[in-house]
Amino acid sequence: MRVVWQLLAVVAVWAISGQCVSAVDGNPWLTLVLGLVTAVIAVLVYRWVVGRTERRAVTELDREGAAGTVGRGVLIGLALFGAVIANIAFLGDYEVDGLGSVTGAVGLVGFMAAAAATEEVVFRGVLFRIIEERAGTLISLTLTGVLFGLMHLANPEASLWGALAIAIEAGGMLAAAYAATRNLWVPIGVHFGWNFAAAGIFSTEVSGNDTPKGLLDSTASGSQLVTGGDFGPEASVYAVLFGALLTIVFLWLAHRRGNLVPRRGRRTVPAEAATTVPR
């Protein structure tokens, strides 16, 4: 029943927040405030429902060092998407035409914060973590990654390739980030950094959604395999490649730290890491 109660709580926040943020679409300042408030509520609800149903300290959302950990995740997400855009631009398929909209970028901070926090507590906080207990890290990563990708089939301009790309570069990579660090702050930060870079800085589509213009006025043209077409750079082969590479890095870190959970087993911690808590 803990799965039921946890999902009911966090999915309710996810659904309600989505409606509320959509209701103030067009007002960047209200979107900023409401989005940030939603992100905080999502974290608080997760901490409350998991603490009550599992009767434990919710260490995956420790307050100590949270800001710095989120910040590191944001930098990873920004750098990752920046690398995708740099490679697309190198081929001449992405061009900056001038400055975009500062207020548009402000609103996208709130919008993407809400999306990152709510989706991470649902997919990595509840689904990945609980499936991992029974099936192990790799199976849980695969199942929740596929589910995360399939969810995006409901988006505008969606395709099976776009869903597969999201499953690899986001679903798998963010689950691996959680496995490596055993906290949700890093995947929340990476998720936010990636999405905000896409829309708030480089003004591209995010998973097929046509968001307000960000800091740069830009155009993308060329092969869909390179640019991602109407779905946006998340369907670019570069996004899949860099996301897969980062997934491998996170899984290597998880293995090194003894954080990989075998199927129907318990996590084994190497002797040199037995007295430390990975963060």
Protein backbone atom coordinates (compact mmCIF):
# COMPACT_ATOMS: atom_id res chain seq x y z
CA MET A 1 0.00 0.00 0.00
CA ARG A 2 2.94 2.35 0.43
CA VAL A 3 3.32 2.46 -3.37
CA VAL A 4 -0.34 3.38 -3.75
CA TRP A 5 -0.25 6.14 -1.14
CA GLN A 6 3.03 7.57 -2.39
CA LEU A 7 1.88 7.62 -6.01
CA LEU A 8 -1.48 9.13 -5.11
CA ALA A 9 0.21 11.93 -3.19
CA VAL A 10 2.92 12.87 -5.68
CA VAL A 11 0.79 12.36 -8.81
CA ALA A 12 -1.89 14.60 -7.29
CA VAL A 13 0.68 17.37 -6.84
CA TRP A 14 1.94 16.76 -10.39
CA ALA A 15 -1.54 16.95 -11.92
CA ILE A 16 -2.79 19.91 -9.92
CA SER A 17 0.40 21.90 -10.41
CA GLY A 18 0.28 21.31 -14.15
CA GLN A 19 -3.21 22.79 -14.32
CA CYS A 20 -2.27 25.75 -12.14
CA VAL A 21 0.87 26.62 -14.08
CA SER A 22 -1.00 26.31 -17.38
CA ALA A 23 -3.69 28.64 -16.06
CA VAL A 24 -1.18 31.50 -15.73
CA ASP A 25 0.46 30.85 -19.09
CA GLY A 26 1.42 34.18 -20.62
CA ASN A 27 2.26 35.82 -17.31
CA PRO A 28 5.98 35.09 -16.72
CA TRP A 29 6.09 36.48 -13.18
CA LEU A 30 3.13 34.46 -11.95
CA THR A 31 4.55 31.41 -13.73
CA LEU A 32 7.87 31.94 -11.94
CA VAL A 33 6.30 32.21 -8.50
CA LEU A 34 3.75 29.43 -8.96
CA GLY A 35 6.32 27.12 -10.50
CA LEU A 36 8.81 27.56 -7.67
CA VAL A 37 6.07 27.09 -5.07
CA THR A 38 4.98 23.91 -6.85
CA ALA A 39 8.54 22.55 -6.80
CA VAL A 40 8.76 23.15 -3.05
CA ILE A 41 5.36 21.55 -2.42
CA ALA A 42 6.31 18.49 -4.48
CA VAL A 43 9.43 17.97 -2.37
CA LEU A 44 7.58 18.52 0.92
CA VAL A 45 4.73 16.15 -0.03
CA TYR A 46 7.21 13.47 -1.06
CA ARG A 47 9.12 13.82 2.21
CA TRP A 48 5.89 13.64 4.20
CA VAL A 49 4.28 10.67 2.45
CA VAL A 50 7.47 8.59 2.27
CA GLY A 51 8.32 9.35 5.90
CA ARG A 52 4.84 8.33 7.02
CA THR A 53 4.50 5.18 4.89
CA GLU A 54 8.05 3.87 5.29
CA ARG A 55 8.71 5.19 8.80
CA ARG A 56 12.25 6.33 8.07
CA ALA A 57 14.31 9.44 7.54
CA VAL A 58 13.93 10.53 3.91
CA THR A 59 17.66 10.74 3.26
CA GLU A 60 17.26 11.07 -0.50
CA LEU A 61 15.99 14.59 0.15
CA ASP A 62 18.24 15.67 3.01
CA ARG A 63 18.12 19.40 3.58
CA GLU A 64 21.81 19.59 4.43
CA GLY A 65 23.79 20.55 1.35
CA ALA A 66 20.67 20.50 -0.83
CA ALA A 67 21.33 23.85 -2.54
CA GLY A 68 24.86 22.92 -3.56
CA THR A 69 23.80 19.48 -4.75
CA VAL A 70 20.96 20.89 -6.86
CA GLY A 71 23.37 23.48 -8.23
CA ARG A 72 25.81 20.81 -9.37
CA GLY A 73 22.99 18.96 -11.06
CA VAL A 74 21.85 22.14 -12.83
CA LEU A 75 25.38 22.73 -14.14
CA ILE A 76 25.50 19.17 -15.49
CA GLY A 77 22.16 19.64 -17.25
CA LEU A 78 23.19 23.00 -18.73
CA ALA A 79 26.52 21.62 -19.94
CA LEU A 80 24.90 18.51 -21.40
CA PHE A 81 22.35 20.41 -23.47
CA GLY A 82 24.96 23.02 -24.37
CA ALA A 83 27.11 20.24 -25.84
CA VAL A 84 24.15 19.06 -27.94
CA ILE A 85 23.51 22.56 -29.30
CA ALA A 86 27.22 23.16 -29.93
CA ASN A 87 27.40 20.06 -32.12
CA ILE A 88 24.23 20.98 -34.01
CA ALA A 89 25.56 24.52 -34.54
CA PHE A 90 28.91 23.15 -35.72
CA LEU A 91 27.06 21.51 -38.62
CA GLY A 92 25.32 24.81 -39.38
CA ASP A 93 21.88 23.59 -38.31
CA TYR A 94 21.42 25.98 -35.37
CA GLU A 95 21.81 29.75 -35.66
CA VAL A 96 21.36 32.63 -33.24
CA ASP A 97 19.56 35.57 -34.83
CA GLY A 98 19.79 37.90 -31.83
CA LEU A 99 18.49 38.37 -28.33
CA GLY A 100 15.21 36.80 -27.32
CA SER A 101 13.09 37.53 -24.27
CA VAL A 102 14.34 38.01 -20.71
CA THR A 103 10.83 37.86 -19.27
CA GLY A 104 10.17 34.71 -21.25
CA ALA A 105 13.23 33.12 -19.66
CA VAL A 106 12.06 34.25 -16.21
CA GLY A 107 8.75 32.45 -16.61
CA LEU A 108 10.51 29.35 -17.88
CA VAL A 109 12.53 29.16 -14.65
CA GLY A 110 9.31 28.53 -12.73
CA PHE A 111 7.77 26.30 -15.37
CA MET A 112 10.81 24.05 -15.62
CA ALA A 113 11.37 23.96 -11.86
CA ALA A 114 7.84 22.64 -11.36
CA ALA A 115 8.26 20.05 -14.12
CA ALA A 116 11.64 18.86 -12.86
CA ALA A 117 10.61 18.47 -9.21
CA THR A 118 7.23 16.84 -9.80
CA GLU A 119 8.45 14.40 -12.47
CA GLU A 120 11.51 13.38 -10.47
CA VAL A 121 9.61 12.59 -7.27
CA VAL A 122 7.17 10.49 -9.31
CA PHE A 123 9.56 8.60 -11.57
CA ARG A 124 12.82 8.41 -9.65
CA GLY A 125 11.57 9.00 -6.11
CA VAL A 126 8.70 6.51 -6.10
CA LEU A 127 8.74 4.28 -9.18
CA PHE A 128 12.46 3.71 -9.76
CA ARG A 129 13.30 3.42 -6.06
CA ILE A 130 10.59 0.90 -5.20
CA ILE A 131 10.97 -1.23 -8.35
CA GLU A 132 14.72 -1.27 -7.70
CA GLU A 133 14.15 -2.89 -4.31
CA ARG A 134 12.57 -5.92 -6.01
CA ALA A 135 14.12 -6.07 -9.46
CA GLY A 136 17.51 -4.41 -9.04
CA THR A 137 19.00 -1.22 -10.41
CA LEU A 138 19.41 -2.13 -14.08
CA ILE A 139 15.93 -3.60 -14.56
CA SER A 140 14.32 -0.71 -12.70
CA LEU A 141 16.31 1.79 -14.76
CA THR A 142 15.15 0.13 -17.98
CA LEU A 143 11.48 -0.18 -16.99
CA THR A 144 11.09 3.34 -15.61
CA GLY A 145 13.11 4.79 -18.48
CA VAL A 146 10.81 3.19 -21.04
CA LEU A 147 7.76 4.38 -19.10
CA PHE A 148 9.16 7.91 -18.97
CA GLY A 149 9.71 7.84 -22.72
CA LEU A 150 6.25 6.45 -23.46
CA MET A 151 4.68 9.22 -21.39
CA HIS A 152 6.06 11.72 -23.92
CA LEU A 153 4.10 10.08 -26.75
CA ALA A 154 1.20 12.28 -25.64
CA ASN A 155 3.22 15.41 -26.46
CA PRO A 156 2.80 17.40 -29.68
CA GLU A 157 4.97 16.20 -32.60
CA ALA A 158 5.70 12.97 -30.70
CA SER A 159 7.05 9.86 -32.40
CA LEU A 160 8.39 6.48 -31.39
CA TRP A 161 11.92 7.74 -32.04
CA GLY A 162 11.31 10.77 -29.81
CA ALA A 163 9.96 8.53 -27.04
CA LEU A 164 12.96 6.21 -27.35
CA ALA A 165 15.32 9.18 -27.25
CA ILE A 166 13.67 10.50 -24.07
CA ALA A 167 13.79 7.02 -22.51
CA ILE A 168 17.56 6.84 -23.02
CA GLU A 169 18.81 10.38 -22.52
CA ALA A 170 16.40 11.33 -19.73
CA GLY A 171 14.66 8.31 -18.19
CA GLY A 172 17.78 6.17 -18.02
CA MET A 173 20.25 8.95 -17.34
CA LEU A 174 18.26 10.51 -14.48
CA ALA A 175 17.69 7.12 -12.85
CA ALA A 176 21.43 6.47 -13.10
CA ALA A 177 22.08 9.86 -11.49
CA TYR A 178 19.90 8.82 -8.56
CA ALA A 179 21.64 5.44 -8.31
CA ALA A 180 25.06 7.10 -8.28
CA THR A 181 24.23 9.68 -5.62
CA ARG A 182 21.31 8.13 -3.71
CA ASN A 183 19.60 11.50 -3.57
CA LEU A 184 16.93 13.19 -5.66
CA TRP A 185 18.56 16.60 -5.66
CA VAL A 186 20.97 15.71 -8.45
CA PRO A 187 18.35 14.37 -10.91
CA ILE A 188 16.08 17.31 -10.10
CA GLY A 189 18.94 19.69 -10.85
CA VAL A 190 20.00 17.89 -14.05
CA HIS A 191 16.38 17.74 -15.25
CA PHE A 192 15.88 21.46 -14.61
CA GLY A 193 19.22 22.44 -16.15
CA TRP A 194 18.53 20.45 -19.33
CA ASN A 195 14.99 21.78 -19.79
CA PHE A 196 15.86 25.37 -18.97
CA ALA A 197 18.85 25.33 -21.32
CA ALA A 198 16.60 24.01 -24.09
CA ALA A 199 13.82 26.56 -23.71
CA GLY A 200 15.07 29.34 -21.45
CA ILE A 201 18.48 29.86 -23.07
CA PHE A 202 18.56 28.36 -26.57
CA SER A 203 14.82 28.81 -27.33
CA THR A 204 14.24 25.35 -28.79
CA GLU A 205 11.23 23.08 -28.50
CA VAL A 206 11.14 20.85 -25.42
CA SER A 207 9.76 17.37 -26.12
CA GLY A 208 7.59 18.77 -28.91
CA ASN A 209 6.20 21.62 -26.81
CA ASP A 210 6.48 25.10 -28.28
CA THR A 211 7.49 27.11 -25.20
CA PRO A 212 7.87 30.91 -24.90
CA LYS A 213 11.03 32.36 -26.40
CA GLY A 214 14.06 32.32 -24.10
CA LEU A 215 17.19 34.44 -23.95
CA LEU A 216 18.24 33.77 -27.54
CA ASP A 217 16.29 34.31 -30.73
CA SER A 218 17.30 31.23 -32.72
CA THR A 219 16.40 29.03 -35.64
CA ALA A 220 17.13 25.36 -36.30
CA SER A 221 17.04 23.75 -39.72
CA GLY A 222 18.45 20.70 -41.41
CA SER A 223 18.28 16.96 -40.95
CA GLN A 224 15.77 15.75 -38.34
CA LEU A 225 18.34 13.22 -37.22
CA VAL A 226 20.63 16.10 -36.26
CA THR A 227 18.19 18.75 -35.04
CA GLY A 228 15.37 16.55 -33.77
CA GLY A 229 12.89 18.26 -36.10
CA ASP A 230 9.65 19.59 -34.61
CA PHE A 231 10.15 17.50 -31.46
CA GLY A 232 13.25 19.54 -30.64
CA PRO A 233 16.90 18.65 -29.97
CA GLU A 234 15.87 15.94 -27.51
CA ALA A 235 15.23 13.80 -30.60
CA SER A 236 18.70 14.57 -31.96
CA VAL A 237 21.23 11.76 -32.20
CA TYR A 238 23.59 14.03 -30.28
CA ALA A 239 21.19 14.18 -27.33
CA VAL A 240 20.88 10.38 -27.31
CA LEU A 241 24.65 9.95 -27.58
CA PHE A 242 25.56 12.38 -24.80
CA GLY A 243 22.73 11.16 -22.58
CA ALA A 244 23.84 7.55 -23.02
CA LEU A 245 27.46 8.45 -22.25
CA LEU A 246 26.44 10.27 -19.05
CA THR A 247 24.25 7.30 -18.09
CA ILE A 248 27.32 5.06 -18.34
CA VAL A 249 29.35 7.48 -16.21
CA PHE A 250 26.66 7.58 -13.50
CA LEU A 251 26.32 3.79 -13.51
CA TRP A 252 30.10 3.47 -13.19
CA LEU A 253 30.00 5.80 -10.19
CA ALA A 254 27.13 3.79 -8.71
CA HIS A 255 29.13 0.58 -9.14
CA ARG A 256 32.25 2.13 -7.64
CA ARG A 257 30.29 3.39 -4.63
CA GLY A 258 28.49 0.08 -4.11
CA ASN A 259 25.13 1.61 -5.00
CA LEU A 260 24.02 -0.91 -7.62
CA VAL A 261 21.27 -3.12 -6.25
CA PRO A 262 21.26 -6.68 -7.64
CA ARG A 263 18.00 -8.36 -8.50
CA ARG A 264 16.20 -9.37 -5.30
CA GLY A 265 19.29 -8.45 -3.34
CA ARG A 266 20.73 -5.81 -1.13
CA ARG A 267 23.19 -3.13 -1.98
CA THR A 268 26.79 -4.14 -1.32
CA VAL A 269 29.19 -1.43 -0.24
CA PRO A 270 32.91 -1.73 -0.96
CA ALA A 271 35.12 -1.81 2.14
CA GLU A 272 36.72 1.54 1.33
CA ALA A 273 33.29 3.18 1.13
CA ALA A 274 31.63 1.39 4.01
CA THR A 275 31.99 4.30 6.41
CA THR A 276 30.87 7.02 4.01
CA VAL A 277 27.53 8.07 2.60
CA PRO A 278 27.69 8.78 -1.16
CA ARG A 279 26.29 12.15 -2.16
